[in-house]
């Protein structure tokens, strides 16, 4: 992974985790107040969580000095 790609991935990962954090009150409503949020909001949270985990995994797997991709 080139340094430029790594920096872009760090920024994307930070953005995804920030957006997921903005939806924390929605998760709180679901777990503590037994209120079911809108299905669209649940899908957005699920997609953000998957994207966050995937980006974190990619960053940990290939650091800035890691092996270059074969593509």
PDB file of N, CA and C in Angstrom:
ATOM      1  N   UNK A   1       0.855  -1.164   0.000  1.00  0.00           N
ATOM      2  CA  UNK A   1       0.000   0.000   0.000  1.00  0.00           C
ATOM      3  C   UNK A   1       0.903   1.228   0.000  1.00  0.00           C
ATOM      4  N   UNK A   2       0.683   2.087  -0.960  1.00  0.00           N
ATOM      5  CA  UNK A   2       1.490   3.301  -1.028  1.00  0.00           C
ATOM      6  C   UNK A   2       1.106   4.243   0.113  1.00  0.00           C
ATOM      7  N   UNK A   3       1.976   5.192   0.375  1.00  0.00           N
ATOM      8  CA  UNK A   3       1.710   6.136   1.457  1.00  0.00           C
ATOM      9  C   UNK A   3       0.461   6.967   1.165  1.00  0.00           C
ATOM     10  N   UNK A   4       0.280   7.334  -0.091  1.00  0.00           N
ATOM     11  CA  UNK A   4      -0.898   8.126  -0.462  1.00  0.00           C
ATOM     12  C   UNK A   4      -2.190   7.333  -0.249  1.00  0.00           C
ATOM     13  N   UNK A   5      -2.182   6.074  -0.642  1.00  0.00           N
ATOM     14  CA  UNK A   5      -3.345   5.214  -0.443  1.00  0.00           C
ATOM     15  C   UNK A   5      -3.608   5.015   1.042  1.00  0.00           C
ATOM     16  N   UNK A   6      -2.526   4.834   1.802  1.00  0.00           N
ATOM     17  CA  UNK A   6      -2.669   4.646   3.240  1.00  0.00           C
ATOM     18  C   UNK A   6      -3.292   5.884   3.888  1.00  0.00           C
ATOM     19  N   UNK A   7      -2.828   7.069   3.498  1.00  0.00           N
ATOM     20  CA  UNK A   7      -3.389   8.309   4.054  1.00  0.00           C
ATOM     21  C   UNK A   7      -4.866   8.453   3.706  1.00  0.00           C
ATOM     22  N   UNK A   8      -5.212   8.130   2.475  1.00  0.00           N
ATOM     23  CA  UNK A   8      -6.614   8.194   2.060  1.00  0.00           C
ATOM     24  C   UNK A   8      -7.464   7.218   2.856  1.00  0.00           C
ATOM     25  N   UNK A   9      -6.922   6.036   3.105  1.00  0.00           N
ATOM     26  CA  UNK A   9      -7.650   5.030   3.872  1.00  0.00           C
ATOM     27  C   UNK A   9      -7.820   5.469   5.333  1.00  0.00           C
ATOM     28  N   UNK A  10      -6.810   6.124   5.894  1.00  0.00           N
ATOM     29  CA  UNK A  10      -6.922   6.629   7.262  1.00  0.00           C
ATOM     30  C   UNK A  10      -8.023   7.688   7.334  1.00  0.00           C
ATOM     31  N   UNK A  11      -8.061   8.591   6.373  1.00  0.00           N
ATOM     32  CA  UNK A  11      -9.106   9.616   6.355  1.00  0.00           C
ATOM     33  C   UNK A  11     -10.492   9.003   6.174  1.00  0.00           C
ATOM     34  N   UNK A  12     -10.609   8.043   5.290  1.00  0.00           N
ATOM     35  CA  UNK A  12     -11.897   7.379   5.073  1.00  0.00           C
ATOM     36  C   UNK A  12     -12.336   6.641   6.335  1.00  0.00           C
ATOM     37  N   UNK A  13     -11.403   5.974   6.975  1.00  0.00           N
ATOM     38  CA  UNK A  13     -11.719   5.248   8.200  1.00  0.00           C
ATOM     39  C   UNK A  13     -12.170   6.205   9.302  1.00  0.00           C
ATOM     40  N   UNK A  14     -11.474   7.315   9.454  1.00  0.00           N
ATOM     41  CA  UNK A  14     -11.851   8.306  10.473  1.00  0.00           C
ATOM     42  C   UNK A  14     -13.245   8.864  10.191  1.00  0.00           C
ATOM     43  N   UNK A  15     -13.549   9.120   8.934  1.00  0.00           N
ATOM     44  CA  UNK A  15     -14.865   9.637   8.568  1.00  0.00           C
ATOM     45  C   UNK A  15     -15.967   8.627   8.877  1.00  0.00           C
ATOM     46  N   UNK A  16     -15.734   7.378   8.553  1.00  0.00           N
ATOM     47  CA  UNK A  16     -16.730   6.335   8.806  1.00  0.00           C
ATOM     48  C   UNK A  16     -16.978   6.184  10.308  1.00  0.00           C
ATOM     49  N   UNK A  17     -15.914   6.162  11.107  1.00  0.00           N
ATOM     50  CA  UNK A  17     -16.087   6.021  12.552  1.00  0.00           C
ATOM     51  C   UNK A  17     -16.755   7.253  13.141  1.00  0.00           C
ATOM     52  N   UNK A  18     -16.471   8.439  12.606  1.00  0.00           N
ATOM     53  CA  UNK A  18     -17.140   9.652  13.061  1.00  0.00           C
ATOM     54  C   UNK A  18     -18.639   9.578  12.772  1.00  0.00           C
ATOM     55  N   UNK A  19     -18.995   9.184  11.568  1.00  0.00           N
ATOM     56  CA  UNK A  19     -20.408   9.058  11.208  1.00  0.00           C
ATOM     57  C   UNK A  19     -21.110   7.991  12.046  1.00  0.00           C
ATOM     58  N   UNK A  20     -20.413   6.914  12.343  1.00  0.00           N
ATOM     59  CA  UNK A  20     -20.987   5.886  13.199  1.00  0.00           C
ATOM     60  C   UNK A  20     -21.209   6.428  14.608  1.00  0.00           C
ATOM     61  N   UNK A  21     -20.293   7.240  15.092  1.00  0.00           N
ATOM     62  CA  UNK A  21     -20.448   7.850  16.407  1.00  0.00           C
ATOM     63  C   UNK A  21     -21.618   8.813  16.463  1.00  0.00           C
ATOM     64  N   UNK A  22     -21.908   9.469  15.355  1.00  0.00           N
ATOM     65  CA  UNK A  22     -23.058  10.366  15.311  1.00  0.00           C
ATOM     66  C   UNK A  22     -24.377   9.612  15.462  1.00  0.00           C
ATOM     67  N   UNK A  23     -24.366   8.344  15.129  1.00  0.00           N
ATOM     68  CA  UNK A  23     -25.577   7.537  15.234  1.00  0.00           C
ATOM     69  C   UNK A  23     -25.660   6.786  16.561  1.00  0.00           C
ATOM     70  N   UNK A  24     -24.771   7.061  17.499  1.00  0.00           N
ATOM     71  CA  UNK A  24     -24.787   6.385  18.804  1.00  0.00           C
ATOM     72  C   UNK A  24     -26.101   6.587  19.556  1.00  0.00           C
ATOM     73  N   UNK A  25     -26.720   7.771  19.516  1.00  0.00           N
ATOM     74  CA  UNK A  25     -28.017   7.910  20.206  1.00  0.00           C
ATOM     75  C   UNK A  25     -29.082   6.947  19.678  1.00  0.00           C
ATOM     76  N   UNK A  26     -29.006   6.611  18.405  1.00  0.00           N
ATOM     77  CA  UNK A  26     -29.948   5.662  17.833  1.00  0.00           C
ATOM     78  C   UNK A  26     -29.770   4.287  18.467  1.00  0.00           C
ATOM     79  N   UNK A  27     -28.536   3.863  18.658  1.00  0.00           N
ATOM     80  CA  UNK A  27     -28.263   2.572  19.288  1.00  0.00           C
ATOM     81  C   UNK A  27     -28.698   2.615  20.750  1.00  0.00           C
ATOM     82  N   UNK A  28     -28.497   3.750  21.407  1.00  0.00           N
ATOM     83  CA  UNK A  28     -28.919   3.905  22.799  1.00  0.00           C
ATOM     84  C   UNK A  28     -30.438   3.761  22.922  1.00  0.00           C
ATOM     85  N   UNK A  29     -31.173   4.352  22.009  1.00  0.00           N
ATOM     86  CA  UNK A  29     -32.636   4.214  22.026  1.00  0.00           C
ATOM     87  C   UNK A  29     -33.049   2.758  21.878  1.00  0.00           C
ATOM     88  N   UNK A  30     -32.360   2.052  21.012  1.00  0.00           N
ATOM     89  CA  UNK A  30     -32.693   0.655  20.759  1.00  0.00           C
ATOM     90  C   UNK A  30     -32.386  -0.221  21.965  1.00  0.00           C
ATOM     91  N   UNK A  31     -31.241  -0.013  22.609  1.00  0.00           N
ATOM     92  CA  UNK A  31     -30.822  -0.902  23.683  1.00  0.00           C
ATOM     93  C   UNK A  31     -31.391  -0.540  25.049  1.00  0.00           C
ATOM     94  N   UNK A  32     -31.594   0.744  25.326  1.00  0.00           N
ATOM     95  CA  UNK A  32     -32.002   1.147  26.669  1.00  0.00           C
ATOM     96  C   UNK A  32     -33.471   1.557  26.784  1.00  0.00           C
ATOM     97  N   UNK A  33     -34.062   1.996  25.702  1.00  0.00           N
ATOM     98  CA  UNK A  33     -35.433   2.485  25.771  1.00  0.00           C
ATOM     99  C   UNK A  33     -36.418   1.613  24.984  1.00  0.00           C
ATOM    100  N   UNK A  34     -35.920   0.541  24.391  1.00  0.00           N
ATOM    101  CA  UNK A  34     -36.737  -0.402  23.631  1.00  0.00           C
ATOM    102  C   UNK A  34     -37.573   0.275  22.554  1.00  0.00           C
ATOM    103  N   UNK A  35     -37.042   1.322  21.938  1.00  0.00           N
ATOM    104  CA  UNK A  35     -37.711   1.982  20.811  1.00  0.00           C
ATOM    105  C   UNK A  35     -37.064   1.506  19.522  1.00  0.00           C
ATOM    106  N   UNK A  36     -37.879   1.071  18.605  1.00  0.00           N
ATOM    107  CA  UNK A  36     -37.355   0.593  17.331  1.00  0.00           C
ATOM    108  C   UNK A  36     -37.221   1.764  16.369  1.00  0.00           C
ATOM    109  N   UNK A  37     -35.984   2.101  15.972  1.00  0.00           N
ATOM    110  CA  UNK A  37     -35.790   3.187  15.014  1.00  0.00           C
ATOM    111  C   UNK A  37     -36.246   2.783  13.613  1.00  0.00           C
ATOM    112  N   UNK A  38     -36.233   3.740  12.736  1.00  0.00           N
ATOM    113  CA  UNK A  38     -36.597   3.515  11.336  1.00  0.00           C
ATOM    114  C   UNK A  38     -35.659   2.486  10.712  1.00  0.00           C
ATOM    115  N   UNK A  39     -36.188   1.657   9.838  1.00  0.00           N
ATOM    116  CA  UNK A  39     -35.392   0.618   9.192  1.00  0.00           C
ATOM    117  C   UNK A  39     -34.232   1.214   8.394  1.00  0.00           C
ATOM    118  N   UNK A  40     -34.469   2.326   7.737  1.00  0.00           N
ATOM    119  CA  UNK A  40     -33.402   2.969   6.964  1.00  0.00           C
ATOM    120  C   UNK A  40     -32.242   3.368   7.863  1.00  0.00           C
ATOM    121  N   UNK A  41     -32.550   3.888   9.037  1.00  0.00           N
ATOM    122  CA  UNK A  41     -31.498   4.280   9.972  1.00  0.00           C
ATOM    123  C   UNK A  41     -30.711   3.061  10.443  1.00  0.00           C
ATOM    124  N   UNK A  42     -31.394   1.960  10.691  1.00  0.00           N
ATOM    125  CA  UNK A  42     -30.696   0.738  11.097  1.00  0.00           C
ATOM    126  C   UNK A  42     -29.779   0.224   9.993  1.00  0.00           C
ATOM    127  N   UNK A  43     -30.226   0.325   8.760  1.00  0.00           N
ATOM    128  CA  UNK A  43     -29.398  -0.107   7.629  1.00  0.00           C
ATOM    129  C   UNK A  43     -28.164   0.784   7.510  1.00  0.00           C
ATOM    130  N   UNK A  44     -28.341   2.090   7.687  1.00  0.00           N
ATOM    131  CA  UNK A  44     -27.209   3.023   7.627  1.00  0.00           C
ATOM    132  C   UNK A  44     -26.194   2.689   8.707  1.00  0.00           C
ATOM    133  N   UNK A  45     -26.654   2.430   9.920  1.00  0.00           N
ATOM    134  CA  UNK A  45     -25.743   2.085  11.015  1.00  0.00           C
ATOM    135  C   UNK A  45     -25.012   0.781  10.713  1.00  0.00           C
ATOM    136  N   UNK A  46     -25.719  -0.200  10.182  1.00  0.00           N
ATOM    137  CA  UNK A  46     -25.095  -1.481   9.849  1.00  0.00           C
ATOM    138  C   UNK A  46     -24.037  -1.307   8.761  1.00  0.00           C
ATOM    139  N   UNK A  47     -24.345  -0.530   7.736  1.00  0.00           N
ATOM    140  CA  UNK A  47     -23.384  -0.300   6.652  1.00  0.00           C
ATOM    141  C   UNK A  47     -22.161   0.446   7.172  1.00  0.00           C
ATOM    142  N   UNK A  48     -22.375   1.451   8.021  1.00  0.00           N
ATOM    143  CA  UNK A  48     -21.248   2.184   8.594  1.00  0.00           C
ATOM    144  C   UNK A  48     -20.388   1.287   9.479  1.00  0.00           C
ATOM    145  N   UNK A  49     -21.020   0.418  10.250  1.00  0.00           N
ATOM    146  CA  UNK A  49     -20.261  -0.497  11.105  1.00  0.00           C
ATOM    147  C   UNK A  49     -19.424  -1.461  10.268  1.00  0.00           C
ATOM    148  N   UNK A  50     -19.998  -1.996   9.217  1.00  0.00           N
ATOM    149  CA  UNK A  50     -19.256  -2.908   8.342  1.00  0.00           C
ATOM    150  C   UNK A  50     -18.116  -2.172   7.655  1.00  0.00           C
ATOM    151  N   UNK A  51     -18.380  -0.956   7.166  1.00  0.00           N
ATOM    152  CA  UNK A  51     -17.326  -0.173   6.515  1.00  0.00           C
ATOM    153  C   UNK A  51     -16.218   0.187   7.499  1.00  0.00           C
ATOM    154  N   UNK A  52     -16.576   0.501   8.728  1.00  0.00           N
ATOM    155  CA  UNK A  52     -15.573   0.831   9.737  1.00  0.00           C
ATOM    156  C   UNK A  52     -14.678  -0.351  10.059  1.00  0.00           C
ATOM    157  N   UNK A  53     -15.289  -1.504  10.237  1.00  0.00           N
ATOM    158  CA  UNK A  53     -14.511  -2.705  10.535  1.00  0.00           C
ATOM    159  C   UNK A  53     -13.631  -3.083   9.351  1.00  0.00           C
ATOM    160  N   UNK A  54     -14.161  -2.984   8.138  1.00  0.00           N
ATOM    161  CA  UNK A  54     -13.382  -3.318   6.946  1.00  0.00           C
ATOM    162  C   UNK A  54     -12.199  -2.362   6.752  1.00  0.00           C
ATOM    163  N   UNK A  55     -12.439  -1.077   6.979  1.00  0.00           N
ATOM    164  CA  UNK A  55     -11.339  -0.117   6.801  1.00  0.00           C
ATOM    165  C   UNK A  55     -10.277  -0.294   7.880  1.00  0.00           C
ATOM    166  N   UNK A  56     -10.697  -0.574   9.106  1.00  0.00           N
ATOM    167  CA  UNK A  56      -9.733  -0.814  10.173  1.00  0.00           C
ATOM    168  C   UNK A  56      -8.918  -2.065   9.890  1.00  0.00           C
ATOM    169  N   UNK A  57      -9.580  -3.111   9.414  1.00  0.00           N
ATOM    170  CA  UNK A  57      -8.879  -4.347   9.069  1.00  0.00           C
ATOM    171  C   UNK A  57      -7.863  -4.098   7.953  1.00  0.00           C
ATOM    172  N   UNK A  58      -8.255  -3.314   6.949  1.00  0.00           N
ATOM    173  CA  UNK A  58      -7.338  -3.015   5.841  1.00  0.00           C
ATOM    174  C   UNK A  58      -6.134  -2.216   6.326  1.00  0.00           C
ATOM    175  N   UNK A  59      -6.361  -1.275   7.237  1.00  0.00           N
ATOM    176  CA  UNK A  59      -5.256  -0.478   7.761  1.00  0.00           C
ATOM    177  C   UNK A  59      -4.311  -1.316   8.611  1.00  0.00           C
ATOM    178  N   UNK A  60      -4.845  -2.209   9.406  1.00  0.00           N
ATOM    179  CA  UNK A  60      -4.002  -3.041  10.257  1.00  0.00           C
ATOM    180  C   UNK A  60      -3.277  -4.113   9.447  1.00  0.00           C
ATOM    181  N   UNK A  61      -3.906  -4.589   8.400  1.00  0.00           N
ATOM    182  CA  UNK A  61      -3.319  -5.641   7.583  1.00  0.00           C
ATOM    183  C   UNK A  61      -2.141  -5.137   6.762  1.00  0.00           C
ATOM    184  N   UNK A  62      -2.298  -3.942   6.209  1.00  0.00           N
ATOM    185  CA  UNK A  62      -1.232  -3.362   5.379  1.00  0.00           C
ATOM    186  C   UNK A  62      -0.941  -1.963   5.874  1.00  0.00           C
ATOM    187  N   UNK A  63       0.079  -1.836   6.648  1.00  0.00           N
ATOM    188  CA  UNK A  63       0.478  -0.534   7.158  1.00  0.00           C
ATOM    189  C   UNK A  63       1.131   0.303   6.076  1.00  0.00           C
ATOM    190  N   UNK A  64       1.605   1.501   6.422  1.00  0.00           N
ATOM    191  CA  UNK A  64       2.210   2.358   5.418  1.00  0.00           C
ATOM    192  C   UNK A  64       3.489   1.757   4.830  1.00  0.00           C
ATOM    193  N   UNK A  65       4.136   0.894   5.554  1.00  0.00           N
ATOM    194  CA  UNK A  65       5.351   0.241   5.046  1.00  0.00           C
ATOM    195  C   UNK A  65       5.108  -1.184   4.657  1.00  0.00           C
ATOM    196  N   UNK A  66       3.859  -1.590   4.584  1.00  0.00           N
ATOM    197  CA  UNK A  66       3.495  -2.970   4.288  1.00  0.00           C
ATOM    198  C   UNK A  66       3.750  -3.323   2.833  1.00  0.00           C
ATOM    199  N   UNK A  67       3.488  -4.579   2.499  1.00  0.00           N
ATOM    200  CA  UNK A  67       3.721  -5.026   1.119  1.00  0.00           C
ATOM    201  C   UNK A  67       2.800  -4.303   0.137  1.00  0.00           C
ATOM    202  N   UNK A  68       3.323  -3.996  -1.014  1.00  0.00           N
ATOM    203  CA  UNK A  68       2.536  -3.290  -2.043  1.00  0.00           C
ATOM    204  C   UNK A  68       1.514  -4.242  -2.638  1.00  0.00           C
ATOM    205  N   UNK A  69       0.405  -3.696  -3.077  1.00  0.00           N
ATOM    206  CA  UNK A  69      -0.621  -4.535  -3.682  1.00  0.00           C
ATOM    207  C   UNK A  69      -0.149  -5.002  -5.063  1.00  0.00           C
ATOM    208  N   UNK A  70      -0.683  -6.125  -5.501  1.00  0.00           N
ATOM    209  CA  UNK A  70      -0.256  -6.696  -6.771  1.00  0.00           C
ATOM    210  C   UNK A  70      -1.040  -6.139  -7.950  1.00  0.00           C
ATOM    211  N   UNK A  71      -2.013  -5.266  -7.683  1.00  0.00           N
ATOM    212  CA  UNK A  71      -2.847  -4.734  -8.764  1.00  0.00           C
ATOM    213  C   UNK A  71      -2.160  -3.622  -9.517  1.00  0.00           C
TER     214      UNK A  71
END
